[in-house]
Amino acid sequence: MLREEDPLAAGFFLQQAVEKYLKAYLISQGWGLRKTHELDRLLDASTQYAAKLMEFRPLCERVSTYYVVERYPGVAGTGPDTNQVRRDLNEARVLILALFPDEQLD
């Protein structure tokens, strides 16, 4: 979506990917699955198992808004630009590798 210059869609899919990775990590720790799309809440739960993950809180707060912007247009502003999503994607890769060190990312 970034190649297509569609930062709203790219941000939405980034939010979805980070959400699934955080939930997978939590489930691997014995956490009971809960319905939420709020990355900061999922990250807070994850820090109970790995306190070092707290450094990703600003990322999770930013990327959580991408879900709202895409799903509820006009409610949460205009959304991210391509450069912001690209920066967040790079930081999200670092978070994913902190959760799953053996993960192979392209």
PDB file of N, CA and C in Angstrom:
ATOM      1  N   MET A   1       0.822  -1.189   0.000  1.00  0.00           N
ATOM      2  CA  MET A   1       0.000   0.000   0.000  1.00  0.00           C
ATOM      3  C   MET A   1       0.874   1.264   0.000  1.00  0.00           C
ATOM      4  N   LEU A   2       2.053   1.158   0.584  1.00  0.00           N
ATOM      5  CA  LEU A   2       2.956   2.299   0.542  1.00  0.00           C
ATOM      6  C   LEU A   2       3.420   2.575  -0.887  1.00  0.00           C
ATOM      7  N   ARG A   3       3.676   1.522  -1.652  1.00  0.00           N
ATOM      8  CA  ARG A   3       4.051   1.703  -3.058  1.00  0.00           C
ATOM      9  C   ARG A   3       2.932   2.353  -3.860  1.00  0.00           C
ATOM     10  N   GLU A   4       1.705   2.101  -3.440  1.00  0.00           N
ATOM     11  CA  GLU A   4       0.540   2.679  -4.109  1.00  0.00           C
ATOM     12  C   GLU A   4       0.200   4.075  -3.576  1.00  0.00           C
ATOM     13  N   GLU A   5       1.034   4.574  -2.653  1.00  0.00           N
ATOM     14  CA  GLU A   5       0.805   5.883  -2.038  1.00  0.00           C
ATOM     15  C   GLU A   5      -0.559   5.948  -1.348  1.00  0.00           C
ATOM     16  N   ASP A   6      -0.886   4.888  -0.618  1.00  0.00           N
ATOM     17  CA  ASP A   6      -2.136   4.828   0.150  1.00  0.00           C
ATOM     18  C   ASP A   6      -1.778   4.649   1.619  1.00  0.00           C
ATOM     19  N   PRO A   7      -1.367   5.737   2.288  1.00  0.00           N
ATOM     20  CA  PRO A   7      -0.939   5.610   3.677  1.00  0.00           C
ATOM     21  C   PRO A   7      -2.061   5.219   4.639  1.00  0.00           C
ATOM     22  N   LEU A   8      -3.297   5.557   4.314  1.00  0.00           N
ATOM     23  CA  LEU A   8      -4.399   5.161   5.203  1.00  0.00           C
ATOM     24  C   LEU A   8      -4.541   3.645   5.242  1.00  0.00           C
ATOM     25  N   ALA A   9      -4.528   3.011   4.081  1.00  0.00           N
ATOM     26  CA  ALA A   9      -4.619   1.548   4.035  1.00  0.00           C
ATOM     27  C   ALA A   9      -3.370   0.916   4.634  1.00  0.00           C
ATOM     28  N   ALA A  10      -2.190   1.461   4.312  1.00  0.00           N
ATOM     29  CA  ALA A  10      -0.947   0.913   4.859  1.00  0.00           C
ATOM     30  C   ALA A  10      -0.941   1.006   6.379  1.00  0.00           C
ATOM     31  N   GLY A  11      -1.392   2.135   6.905  1.00  0.00           N
ATOM     32  CA  GLY A  11      -1.457   2.300   8.361  1.00  0.00           C
ATOM     33  C   GLY A  11      -2.430   1.325   8.996  1.00  0.00           C
ATOM     34  N   PHE A  12      -3.579   1.130   8.346  1.00  0.00           N
ATOM     35  CA  PHE A  12      -4.573   0.179   8.856  1.00  0.00           C
ATOM     36  C   PHE A  12      -3.993  -1.229   8.912  1.00  0.00           C
ATOM     37  N   PHE A  13      -3.344  -1.658   7.841  1.00  0.00           N
ATOM     38  CA  PHE A  13      -2.775  -3.008   7.813  1.00  0.00           C
ATOM     39  C   PHE A  13      -1.610  -3.143   8.784  1.00  0.00           C
ATOM     40  N   LEU A  14      -0.863  -2.066   8.985  1.00  0.00           N
ATOM     41  CA  LEU A  14       0.195  -2.093   9.989  1.00  0.00           C
ATOM     42  C   LEU A  14      -0.406  -2.288  11.374  1.00  0.00           C
ATOM     43  N   GLN A  15      -1.480  -1.578  11.657  1.00  0.00           N
ATOM     44  CA  GLN A  15      -2.147  -1.736  12.954  1.00  0.00           C
ATOM     45  C   GLN A  15      -2.613  -3.172  13.134  1.00  0.00           C
ATOM     46  N   GLN A  16      -3.206  -3.729  12.099  1.00  0.00           N
ATOM     47  CA  GLN A  16      -3.699  -5.104  12.178  1.00  0.00           C
ATOM     48  C   GLN A  16      -2.554  -6.088  12.434  1.00  0.00           C
ATOM     49  N   ALA A  17      -1.442  -5.912  11.758  1.00  0.00           N
ATOM     50  CA  ALA A  17      -0.302  -6.815  11.928  1.00  0.00           C
ATOM     51  C   ALA A  17       0.269  -6.723  13.338  1.00  0.00           C
ATOM     52  N   VAL A  18       0.453  -5.498  13.833  1.00  0.00           N
ATOM     53  CA  VAL A  18       0.997  -5.341  15.187  1.00  0.00           C
ATOM     54  C   VAL A  18       0.031  -5.935  16.212  1.00  0.00           C
ATOM     55  N   GLU A  19      -1.252  -5.711  16.015  1.00  0.00           N
ATOM     56  CA  GLU A  19      -2.259  -6.281  16.926  1.00  0.00           C
ATOM     57  C   GLU A  19      -2.148  -7.809  16.971  1.00  0.00           C
ATOM     58  N   LYS A  20      -2.041  -8.427  15.812  1.00  0.00           N
ATOM     59  CA  LYS A  20      -1.972  -9.896  15.777  1.00  0.00           C
ATOM     60  C   LYS A  20      -0.682 -10.413  16.403  1.00  0.00           C
ATOM     61  N   TYR A  21       0.432  -9.731  16.170  1.00  0.00           N
ATOM     62  CA  TYR A  21       1.686 -10.157  16.791  1.00  0.00           C
ATOM     63  C   TYR A  21       1.626 -10.013  18.313  1.00  0.00           C
ATOM     64  N   LEU A  22       1.066  -8.903  18.805  1.00  0.00           N
ATOM     65  CA  LEU A  22       0.956  -8.734  20.256  1.00  0.00           C
ATOM     66  C   LEU A  22       0.042  -9.795  20.857  1.00  0.00           C
ATOM     67  N   LYS A  23      -1.077 -10.062  20.207  1.00  0.00           N
ATOM     68  CA  LYS A  23      -1.987 -11.092  20.713  1.00  0.00           C
ATOM     69  C   LYS A  23      -1.331 -12.466  20.681  1.00  0.00           C
ATOM     70  N   ALA A  24      -0.603 -12.764  19.620  1.00  0.00           N
ATOM     71  CA  ALA A  24       0.093 -14.056  19.537  1.00  0.00           C
ATOM     72  C   ALA A  24       1.110 -14.182  20.663  1.00  0.00           C
ATOM     73  N   TYR A  25       1.844 -13.110  20.922  1.00  0.00           N
ATOM     74  CA  TYR A  25       2.819 -13.139  22.020  1.00  0.00           C
ATOM     75  C   TYR A  25       2.116 -13.380  23.352  1.00  0.00           C
ATOM     76  N   LEU A  26       1.038 -12.638  23.590  1.00  0.00           N
ATOM     77  CA  LEU A  26       0.314 -12.783  24.854  1.00  0.00           C
ATOM     78  C   LEU A  26      -0.256 -14.189  25.015  1.00  0.00           C
ATOM     79  N   ILE A  27      -0.831 -14.719  23.968  1.00  0.00           N
ATOM     80  CA  ILE A  27      -1.380 -16.077  24.034  1.00  0.00           C
ATOM     81  C   ILE A  27      -0.266 -17.077  24.315  1.00  0.00           C
ATOM     82  N   SER A  28       0.909 -16.855  23.723  1.00  0.00           N
ATOM     83  CA  SER A  28       2.035 -17.769  23.987  1.00  0.00           C
ATOM     84  C   SER A  28       2.488 -17.710  25.443  1.00  0.00           C
ATOM     85  N   GLN A  29       2.116 -16.634  26.135  1.00  0.00           N
ATOM     86  CA  GLN A  29       2.460 -16.486  27.549  1.00  0.00           C
ATOM     87  C   GLN A  29       1.339 -16.975  28.470  1.00  0.00           C
ATOM     88  N   GLY A  30       0.248 -17.469  27.882  1.00  0.00           N
ATOM     89  CA  GLY A  30      -0.856 -17.988  28.678  1.00  0.00           C
ATOM     90  C   GLY A  30      -1.998 -17.007  28.879  1.00  0.00           C
ATOM     91  N   TRP A  31      -1.954 -15.871  28.215  1.00  0.00           N
ATOM     92  CA  TRP A  31      -2.975 -14.827  28.321  1.00  0.00           C
ATOM     93  C   TRP A  31      -4.254 -15.302  27.646  1.00  0.00           C
ATOM     94  N   GLY A  32      -5.377 -15.005  28.242  1.00  0.00           N
ATOM     95  CA  GLY A  32      -6.666 -15.345  27.642  1.00  0.00           C
ATOM     96  C   GLY A  32      -7.076 -14.308  26.617  1.00  0.00           C
ATOM     97  N   LEU A  33      -7.357 -14.728  25.409  1.00  0.00           N
ATOM     98  CA  LEU A  33      -7.694 -13.826  24.309  1.00  0.00           C
ATOM     99  C   LEU A  33      -8.850 -12.912  24.691  1.00  0.00           C
ATOM    100  N   ARG A  34      -8.698 -11.633  24.383  1.00  0.00           N
ATOM    101  CA  ARG A  34      -9.740 -10.634  24.621  1.00  0.00           C
ATOM    102  C   ARG A  34      -9.954  -9.839  23.351  1.00  0.00           C
ATOM    103  N   LYS A  35     -11.168  -9.381  23.154  1.00  0.00           N
ATOM    104  CA  LYS A  35     -11.463  -8.582  21.957  1.00  0.00           C
ATOM    105  C   LYS A  35     -11.066  -7.132  22.230  1.00  0.00           C
ATOM    106  N   THR A  36     -10.019  -6.692  21.567  1.00  0.00           N
ATOM    107  CA  THR A  36      -9.588  -5.301  21.618  1.00  0.00           C
ATOM    108  C   THR A  36      -8.715  -5.024  20.410  1.00  0.00           C
ATOM    109  N   HIS A  37      -8.757  -3.773  19.972  1.00  0.00           N
ATOM    110  CA  HIS A  37      -7.899  -3.339  18.881  1.00  0.00           C
ATOM    111  C   HIS A  37      -6.886  -2.314  19.386  1.00  0.00           C
ATOM    112  N   GLU A  38      -6.899  -2.032  20.686  1.00  0.00           N
ATOM    113  CA  GLU A  38      -6.044  -0.999  21.264  1.00  0.00           C
ATOM    114  C   GLU A  38      -4.659  -1.561  21.562  1.00  0.00           C
ATOM    115  N   LEU A  39      -3.715  -1.148  20.738  1.00  0.00           N
ATOM    116  CA  LEU A  39      -2.363  -1.674  20.858  1.00  0.00           C
ATOM    117  C   LEU A  39      -1.711  -1.304  22.180  1.00  0.00           C
ATOM    118  N   ASP A  40      -2.008  -0.118  22.700  1.00  0.00           N
ATOM    119  CA  ASP A  40      -1.405   0.267  23.965  1.00  0.00           C
ATOM    120  C   ASP A  40      -1.859  -0.640  25.100  1.00  0.00           C
ATOM    121  N   ARG A  41      -3.104  -1.065  25.087  1.00  0.00           N
ATOM    122  CA  ARG A  41      -3.585  -2.011  26.109  1.00  0.00           C
ATOM    123  C   ARG A  41      -2.919  -3.379  25.955  1.00  0.00           C
ATOM    124  N   LEU A  42      -2.787  -3.817  24.719  1.00  0.00           N
ATOM    125  CA  LEU A  42      -2.113  -5.097  24.475  1.00  0.00           C
ATOM    126  C   LEU A  42      -0.644  -5.018  24.886  1.00  0.00           C
ATOM    127  N   LEU A  43      -0.015  -3.898  24.592  1.00  0.00           N
ATOM    128  CA  LEU A  43       1.382  -3.727  24.985  1.00  0.00           C
ATOM    129  C   LEU A  43       1.508  -3.712  26.506  1.00  0.00           C
ATOM    130  N   ASP A  44       0.597  -3.010  27.180  1.00  0.00           N
ATOM    131  CA  ASP A  44       0.632  -2.991  28.650  1.00  0.00           C
ATOM    132  C   ASP A  44       0.555  -4.403  29.210  1.00  0.00           C
ATOM    133  N   ALA A  45      -0.315  -5.226  28.648  1.00  0.00           N
ATOM    134  CA  ALA A  45      -0.413  -6.616  29.095  1.00  0.00           C
ATOM    135  C   ALA A  45       0.885  -7.361  28.801  1.00  0.00           C
ATOM    136  N   SER A  46       1.508  -7.058  27.664  1.00  0.00           N
ATOM    137  CA  SER A  46       2.761  -7.728  27.290  1.00  0.00           C
ATOM    138  C   SER A  46       3.908  -7.367  28.221  1.00  0.00           C
ATOM    139  N   THR A  47       3.895  -6.158  28.744  1.00  0.00           N
ATOM    140  CA  THR A  47       4.993  -5.731  29.616  1.00  0.00           C
ATOM    141  C   THR A  47       4.999  -6.488  30.937  1.00  0.00           C
ATOM    142  N   GLN A  48       3.925  -7.145  31.257  1.00  0.00           N
ATOM    143  CA  GLN A  48       3.907  -7.996  32.456  1.00  0.00           C
ATOM    144  C   GLN A  48       4.856  -9.178  32.280  1.00  0.00           C
ATOM    145  N   TYR A  49       5.123  -9.541  31.041  1.00  0.00           N
ATOM    146  CA  TYR A  49       6.009 -10.666  30.735  1.00  0.00           C
ATOM    147  C   TYR A  49       7.400 -10.199  30.304  1.00  0.00           C
ATOM    148  N   ALA A  50       7.475  -8.981  29.761  1.00  0.00           N
ATOM    149  CA  ALA A  50       8.755  -8.436  29.289  1.00  0.00           C
ATOM    150  C   ALA A  50       8.699  -6.910  29.420  1.00  0.00           C
ATOM    151  N   ALA A  51       9.199  -6.393  30.527  1.00  0.00           N
ATOM    152  CA  ALA A  51       9.124  -4.959  30.812  1.00  0.00           C
ATOM    153  C   ALA A  51       9.794  -4.105  29.745  1.00  0.00           C
ATOM    154  N   LYS A  52      10.795  -4.648  29.064  1.00  0.00           N
ATOM    155  CA  LYS A  52      11.522  -3.886  28.035  1.00  0.00           C
ATOM    156  C   LYS A  52      10.623  -3.448  26.890  1.00  0.00           C
ATOM    157  N   LEU A  53       9.476  -4.073  26.733  1.00  0.00           N
ATOM    158  CA  LEU A  53       8.555  -3.727  25.652  1.00  0.00           C
ATOM    159  C   LEU A  53       7.929  -2.347  25.839  1.00  0.00           C
ATOM    160  N   MET A  54       8.013  -1.783  27.046  1.00  0.00           N
ATOM    161  CA  MET A  54       7.416  -0.473  27.314  1.00  0.00           C
ATOM    162  C   MET A  54       7.973   0.599  26.379  1.00  0.00           C
ATOM    163  N   GLU A  55       9.175   0.417  25.877  1.00  0.00           N
ATOM    164  CA  GLU A  55       9.762   1.416  24.979  1.00  0.00           C
ATOM    165  C   GLU A  55       8.958   1.569  23.686  1.00  0.00           C
ATOM    166  N   PHE A  56       8.090   0.610  23.387  1.00  0.00           N
ATOM    167  CA  PHE A  56       7.287   0.662  22.166  1.00  0.00           C
ATOM    168  C   PHE A  56       5.921   1.303  22.381  1.00  0.00           C
ATOM    169  N   ARG A  57       5.683   1.843  23.567  1.00  0.00           N
ATOM    170  CA  ARG A  57       4.381   2.458  23.860  1.00  0.00           C
ATOM    171  C   ARG A  57       4.052   3.601  22.901  1.00  0.00           C
ATOM    172  N   PRO A  58       4.974   4.544  22.637  1.00  0.00           N
ATOM    173  CA  PRO A  58       4.626   5.611  21.679  1.00  0.00           C
ATOM    174  C   PRO A  58       4.242   5.064  20.299  1.00  0.00           C
ATOM    175  N   LEU A  59       4.950   4.043  19.848  1.00  0.00           N
ATOM    176  CA  LEU A  59       4.603   3.405  18.575  1.00  0.00           C
ATOM    177  C   LEU A  59       3.180   2.864  18.622  1.00  0.00           C
ATOM    178  N   CYS A  60       2.865   2.132  19.661  1.00  0.00           N
ATOM    179  CA  CYS A  60       1.535   1.519  19.766  1.00  0.00           C
ATOM    180  C   CYS A  60       0.437   2.569  19.862  1.00  0.00           C
ATOM    181  N   GLU A  61       0.697   3.657  20.559  1.00  0.00           N
ATOM    182  CA  GLU A  61      -0.299   4.725  20.644  1.00  0.00           C
ATOM    183  C   GLU A  61      -0.549   5.351  19.275  1.00  0.00           C
ATOM    184  N   ARG A  62       0.528   5.593  18.513  1.00  0.00           N
ATOM    185  CA  ARG A  62       0.373   6.167  17.169  1.00  0.00           C
ATOM    186  C   ARG A  62      -0.360   5.208  16.240  1.00  0.00           C
ATOM    187  N   VAL A  63       0.096   3.975  16.209  1.00  0.00           N
ATOM    188  CA  VAL A  63      -0.440   3.013  15.251  1.00  0.00           C
ATOM    189  C   VAL A  63      -1.883   2.641  15.586  1.00  0.00           C
ATOM    190  N   SER A  64      -2.265   2.708  16.845  1.00  0.00           N
ATOM    191  CA  SER A  64      -3.667   2.454  17.219  1.00  0.00           C
ATOM    192  C   SER A  64      -4.603   3.442  16.526  1.00  0.00           C
ATOM    193  N   THR A  65      -4.159   4.671  16.343  1.00  0.00           N
ATOM    194  CA  THR A  65      -5.021   5.669  15.702  1.00  0.00           C
ATOM    195  C   THR A  65      -5.267   5.340  14.236  1.00  0.00           C
ATOM    196  N   TYR A  66      -4.361   4.604  13.598  1.00  0.00           N
ATOM    197  CA  TYR A  66      -4.532   4.267  12.190  1.00  0.00           C
ATOM    198  C   TYR A  66      -5.777   3.405  11.975  1.00  0.00           C
ATOM    199  N   TYR A  67      -6.078   2.567  12.940  1.00  0.00           N
ATOM    200  CA  TYR A  67      -7.289   1.733  12.857  1.00  0.00           C
ATOM    201  C   TYR A  67      -8.528   2.620  12.867  1.00  0.00           C
ATOM    202  N   VAL A  68      -8.549   3.567  13.800  1.00  0.00           N
ATOM    203  CA  VAL A  68      -9.716   4.436  13.961  1.00  0.00           C
ATOM    204  C   VAL A  68      -9.913   5.302  12.720  1.00  0.00           C
ATOM    205  N   VAL A  69      -8.837   5.870  12.189  1.00  0.00           N
ATOM    206  CA  VAL A  69      -8.927   6.737  11.012  1.00  0.00           C
ATOM    207  C   VAL A  69      -9.497   5.985   9.819  1.00  0.00           C
ATOM    208  N   GLU A  70      -9.061   4.761   9.615  1.00  0.00           N
ATOM    209  CA  GLU A  70      -9.518   3.980   8.467  1.00  0.00           C
ATOM    210  C   GLU A  70     -10.956   3.490   8.653  1.00  0.00           C
ATOM    211  N   ARG A  71     -11.286   3.053   9.859  1.00  0.00           N
ATOM    212  CA  ARG A  71     -12.610   2.483  10.106  1.00  0.00           C
ATOM    213  C   ARG A  71     -13.695   3.535  10.334  1.00  0.00           C
ATOM    214  N   TYR A  72     -13.303   4.693  10.859  1.00  0.00           N
ATOM    215  CA  TYR A  72     -14.268   5.737  11.202  1.00  0.00           C
ATOM    216  C   TYR A  72     -13.809   7.086  10.642  1.00  0.00           C
ATOM    217  N   PRO A  73     -13.900   7.269   9.330  1.00  0.00           N
ATOM    218  CA  PRO A  73     -13.414   8.503   8.701  1.00  0.00           C
ATOM    219  C   PRO A  73     -14.037   9.749   9.338  1.00  0.00           C
ATOM    220  N   GLY A  74     -13.186  10.764   9.514  1.00  0.00           N
ATOM    221  CA  GLY A  74     -13.658  12.026  10.070  1.00  0.00           C
ATOM    222  C   GLY A  74     -13.649  12.102  11.579  1.00  0.00           C
ATOM    223  N   VAL A  75     -13.477  10.970  12.255  1.00  0.00           N
ATOM    224  CA  VAL A  75     -13.508  10.947  13.718  1.00  0.00           C
ATOM    225  C   VAL A  75     -12.152  11.282  14.325  1.00  0.00           C
ATOM    226  N   ALA A  76     -11.083  10.773  13.715  1.00  0.00           N
ATOM    227  CA  ALA A  76      -9.752  10.901  14.326  1.00  0.00           C
ATOM    228  C   ALA A  76      -8.773  11.675  13.451  1.00  0.00           C
ATOM    229  N   GLY A  77      -9.254  12.630  12.691  1.00  0.00           N
ATOM    230  CA  GLY A  77      -8.341  13.437  11.888  1.00  0.00           C
ATOM    231  C   GLY A  77      -8.108  12.851  10.508  1.00  0.00           C
ATOM    232  N   THR A  78      -7.006  13.290   9.896  1.00  0.00           N
ATOM    233  CA  THR A  78      -6.737  12.935   8.512  1.00  0.00           C
ATOM    234  C   THR A  78      -5.909  11.680   8.346  1.00  0.00           C
ATOM    235  N   GLY A  79      -5.266  11.226   9.379  1.00  0.00           N
ATOM    236  CA  GLY A  79      -4.468  10.018   9.289  1.00  0.00           C
ATOM    237  C   GLY A  79      -3.015  10.306   8.963  1.00  0.00           C
ATOM    238  N   PRO A  80      -2.229   9.253   8.896  1.00  0.00           N
ATOM    239  CA  PRO A  80      -0.786   9.399   8.712  1.00  0.00           C
ATOM    240  C   PRO A  80      -0.420   9.668   7.254  1.00  0.00           C
ATOM    241  N   ASP A  81       0.786  10.213   7.070  1.00  0.00           N
ATOM    242  CA  ASP A  81       1.304  10.322   5.710  1.00  0.00           C
ATOM    243  C   ASP A  81       2.223   9.126   5.447  1.00  0.00           C
ATOM    244  N   THR A  82       2.626   8.979   4.203  1.00  0.00           N
ATOM    245  CA  THR A  82       3.428   7.824   3.791  1.00  0.00           C
ATOM    246  C   THR A  82       4.715   7.714   4.600  1.00  0.00           C
ATOM    247  N   ASN A  83       5.382   8.832   4.836  1.00  0.00           N
ATOM    248  CA  ASN A  83       6.646   8.793   5.573  1.00  0.00           C
ATOM    249  C   ASN A  83       6.454   8.337   7.013  1.00  0.00           C
ATOM    250  N   GLN A  84       5.363   8.783   7.658  1.00  0.00           N
ATOM    251  CA  GLN A  84       5.108   8.362   9.036  1.00  0.00           C
ATOM    252  C   GLN A  84       4.837   6.862   9.103  1.00  0.00           C
ATOM    253  N   VAL A  85       4.034   6.349   8.183  1.00  0.00           N
ATOM    254  CA  VAL A  85       3.744   4.915   8.180  1.00  0.00           C
ATOM    255  C   VAL A  85       5.029   4.126   7.927  1.00  0.00           C
ATOM    256  N   ARG A  86       5.869   4.619   7.039  1.00  0.00           N
ATOM    257  CA  ARG A  86       7.132   3.938   6.754  1.00  0.00           C
ATOM    258  C   ARG A  86       8.027   3.883   8.003  1.00  0.00           C
ATOM    259  N   ARG A  87       8.117   5.006   8.725  1.00  0.00           N
ATOM    260  CA  ARG A  87       8.898   5.030   9.974  1.00  0.00           C
ATOM    261  C   ARG A  87       8.303   4.060  10.998  1.00  0.00           C
ATOM    262  N   ASP A  88       6.977   4.078  11.119  1.00  0.00           N
ATOM    263  CA  ASP A  88       6.324   3.190  12.081  1.00  0.00           C
ATOM    264  C   ASP A  88       6.475   1.726  11.684  1.00  0.00           C
ATOM    265  N   LEU A  89       6.468   1.445  10.400  1.00  0.00           N
ATOM    266  CA  LEU A  89       6.690   0.082   9.924  1.00  0.00           C
ATOM    267  C   LEU A  89       8.074  -0.406  10.348  1.00  0.00           C
ATOM    268  N   ASN A  90       9.075   0.433  10.183  1.00  0.00           N
ATOM    269  CA  ASN A  90      10.429   0.045  10.589  1.00  0.00           C
ATOM    270  C   ASN A  90      10.512  -0.190  12.093  1.00  0.00           C
ATOM    271  N   GLU A  91       9.868   0.663  12.876  1.00  0.00           N
ATOM    272  CA  GLU A  91       9.878   0.476  14.327  1.00  0.00           C
ATOM    273  C   GLU A  91       9.065  -0.760  14.717  1.00  0.00           C
ATOM    274  N   ALA A  92       7.976  -1.020  14.007  1.00  0.00           N
ATOM    275  CA  ALA A  92       7.160  -2.199  14.287  1.00  0.00           C
ATOM    276  C   ALA A  92       7.956  -3.479  14.046  1.00  0.00           C
ATOM    277  N   ARG A  93       8.829  -3.468  13.063  1.00  0.00           N
ATOM    278  CA  ARG A  93       9.683  -4.633  12.818  1.00  0.00           C
ATOM    279  C   ARG A  93      10.572  -4.910  14.031  1.00  0.00           C
ATOM    280  N   VAL A  94      11.077  -3.854  14.646  1.00  0.00           N
ATOM    281  CA  VAL A  94      11.905  -4.015  15.843  1.00  0.00           C
ATOM    282  C   VAL A  94      11.064  -4.604  16.980  1.00  0.00           C
ATOM    283  N   LEU A  95       9.841  -4.116  17.130  1.00  0.00           N
ATOM    284  CA  LEU A  95       8.932  -4.658  18.147  1.00  0.00           C
ATOM    285  C   LEU A  95       8.650  -6.136  17.886  1.00  0.00           C
ATOM    286  N   ILE A  96       8.347  -6.489  16.660  1.00  0.00           N
ATOM    287  CA  ILE A  96       8.038  -7.879  16.317  1.00  0.00           C
ATOM    288  C   ILE A  96       9.213  -8.785  16.643  1.00  0.00           C
ATOM    289  N   LEU A  97      10.416  -8.333  16.334  1.00  0.00           N
ATOM    290  CA  LEU A  97      11.600  -9.140  16.644  1.00  0.00           C
ATOM    291  C   LEU A  97      11.867  -9.213  18.144  1.00  0.00           C
ATOM    292  N   ALA A  98      11.432  -8.203  18.890  1.00  0.00           N
ATOM    293  CA  ALA A  98      11.535  -8.277  20.348  1.00  0.00           C
ATOM    294  C   ALA A  98      10.554  -9.315  20.896  1.00  0.00           C
ATOM    295  N   LEU A  99       9.391  -9.432  20.249  1.00  0.00           N
ATOM    296  CA  LEU A  99       8.387 -10.418  20.671  1.00  0.00           C
ATOM    297  C   LEU A  99       8.770 -11.826  20.233  1.00  0.00           C
ATOM    298  N   PHE A 100       9.236 -11.937  18.995  1.00  0.00           N
ATOM    299  CA  PHE A 100       9.557 -13.226  18.387  1.00  0.00           C
ATOM    300  C   PHE A 100      10.923 -13.133  17.701  1.00  0.00           C
ATOM    301  N   PRO A 101      12.007 -13.310  18.459  1.00  0.00           N
ATOM    302  CA  PRO A 101      13.359 -13.139  17.914  1.00  0.00           C
ATOM    303  C   PRO A 101      13.676 -13.996  16.689  1.00  0.00           C
ATOM    304  N   ASP A 102      13.025 -15.112  16.523  1.00  0.00           N
ATOM    305  CA  ASP A 102      13.314 -16.003  15.392  1.00  0.00           C
ATOM    306  C   ASP A 102      12.444 -15.700  14.159  1.00  0.00           C
ATOM    307  N   GLU A 103      11.584 -14.687  14.248  1.00  0.00           N
ATOM    308  CA  GLU A 103      10.694 -14.360  13.145  1.00  0.00           C
ATOM    309  C   GLU A 103      11.501 -13.886  11.939  1.00  0.00           C
ATOM    310  N   GLN A 104      11.113 -14.321  10.772  1.00  0.00           N
ATOM    311  CA  GLN A 104      11.771 -13.919   9.512  1.00  0.00           C
ATOM    312  C   GLN A 104      10.910 -12.850   8.865  1.00  0.00           C
ATOM    313  N   LEU A 105      11.408 -11.637   8.816  1.00  0.00           N
ATOM    314  CA  LEU A 105      10.667 -10.520   8.220  1.00  0.00           C
ATOM    315  C   LEU A 105      11.349 -10.086   6.930  1.00  0.00           C
ATOM    316  N   ASP A 106      10.534  -9.794   5.921  1.00  0.00           N
ATOM    317  CA  ASP A 106      11.078  -9.280   4.648  1.00  0.00           C
ATOM    318  C   ASP A 106      11.283  -7.797   4.736  1.00  0.00           C
TER     319      ASP A 106
END
